[in-house]
Amino acid sequence: MMLRITLFGALRDADARGFIELDVPDHSTIAQVREAVQRYVREHALTISPNLIQRSAFASDEEVLHNHRQIPENGMLAILPPVSGG
């Protein structure tokens, strides 16, 4: 399944388009996608720490998805880096 992941914050440096596309097996979990994104940044976006991916949240159009959840059927996700502020 082709998965499109929209990037926010510092993660936008991974691709100037603001998203990446990864081919993942159908019914992959968020944990599996997280690992695939970490591999992607190690190969294509050396300025981004794989630890940032580990600390980031993945979300569908409707909710934040935890590691045990499967990817949405529409193949659309966003990755949200941690933020701070007040």
Protein backbone atom coordinates (compact mmCIF):
# COMPACT_ATOMS: atom_id res chain seq x y z
CA MET A 1 0.00 0.00 0.00
CA MET A 2 1.30 3.45 -0.85
CA LEU A 3 1.19 5.60 2.25
CA ARG A 4 1.37 9.40 2.13
CA ILE A 5 2.70 11.00 5.31
CA THR A 6 2.33 14.76 5.75
CA LEU A 7 5.23 16.36 7.62
CA PHE A 8 5.11 19.21 10.13
CA GLY A 9 7.65 21.26 12.04
CA ALA A 10 11.30 20.23 11.78
CA LEU A 11 10.23 17.07 9.96
CA ARG A 12 9.41 19.14 6.85
CA ASP A 13 13.15 19.16 6.20
CA ALA A 14 12.80 15.50 5.14
CA ASP A 15 11.16 16.58 1.87
CA ALA A 16 10.52 20.02 0.39
CA ARG A 17 7.06 18.90 -0.78
CA GLY A 18 5.92 18.64 2.85
CA PHE A 19 5.18 14.92 2.63
CA ILE A 20 6.83 11.59 1.95
CA GLU A 21 5.41 8.51 0.30
CA LEU A 22 6.29 5.03 1.48
CA ASP A 23 5.23 1.65 0.19
CA VAL A 24 4.24 -0.47 3.19
CA PRO A 25 2.41 -3.79 3.53
CA ASP A 26 -1.38 -3.61 3.83
CA HIS A 27 -2.60 -3.58 7.45
CA SER A 28 0.74 -2.30 8.79
CA THR A 29 0.70 -0.91 12.30
CA ILE A 30 1.83 2.56 13.26
CA ALA A 31 4.86 0.95 14.95
CA GLN A 32 5.85 -0.59 11.61
CA VAL A 33 5.31 2.72 9.81
CA ARG A 34 7.39 4.50 12.46
CA GLU A 35 10.27 2.10 11.72
CA ALA A 36 9.88 2.67 7.97
CA VAL A 37 10.00 6.45 8.46
CA GLN A 38 13.12 6.10 10.61
CA ARG A 39 14.78 4.10 7.80
CA TYR A 40 13.69 6.76 5.30
CA VAL A 41 15.27 9.62 7.26
CA ARG A 42 18.49 7.63 7.76
CA GLU A 43 18.74 7.26 3.98
CA HIS A 44 17.24 10.51 2.64
CA ALA A 45 17.18 13.15 5.36
CA LEU A 46 20.40 12.92 7.34
CA THR A 47 19.72 16.17 9.21
CA ILE A 48 16.71 14.62 10.96
CA SER A 49 17.34 12.42 13.96
CA PRO A 50 15.56 9.06 13.96
CA ASN A 51 14.91 9.82 17.66
CA LEU A 52 12.65 12.67 16.56
CA ILE A 53 10.53 10.15 14.69
CA GLN A 54 10.41 7.96 17.81
CA ARG A 55 9.05 10.85 19.89
CA SER A 56 6.57 12.06 17.25
CA ALA A 57 2.86 11.26 17.07
CA PHE A 58 1.13 9.79 14.04
CA ALA A 59 -2.41 10.89 13.21
CA SER A 60 -5.15 10.13 10.73
CA ASP A 61 -7.59 12.78 9.59
CA GLU A 62 -9.62 12.07 12.72
CA GLU A 63 -7.37 11.04 15.61
CA VAL A 64 -3.91 10.38 16.99
CA LEU A 65 -2.96 6.75 16.38
CA HIS A 66 -0.96 4.72 18.87
CA ASN A 67 1.67 2.16 17.84
CA HIS A 68 -0.66 -0.85 18.00
CA ARG A 69 -3.21 0.70 15.59
CA GLN A 70 -3.33 -0.14 11.90
CA ILE A 71 -2.81 2.46 9.21
CA PRO A 72 -5.97 4.07 7.82
CA GLU A 73 -7.48 2.53 4.71
CA ASN A 74 -7.12 5.79 2.78
CA GLY A 75 -3.33 5.65 3.20
CA MET A 76 -3.11 9.17 4.62
CA LEU A 77 -1.21 10.00 7.80
CA ALA A 78 0.47 12.98 9.40
CA ILE A 79 3.50 12.87 11.65
CA LEU A 80 3.48 15.47 14.40
CA PRO A 81 6.77 16.25 16.15
CA PRO A 82 6.70 17.07 19.85
CA VAL A 83 6.16 20.75 20.64
CA SER A 84 6.77 22.94 23.61
CA GLY A 85 5.48 26.32 24.56
CA GLY A 86 2.97 28.01 26.73
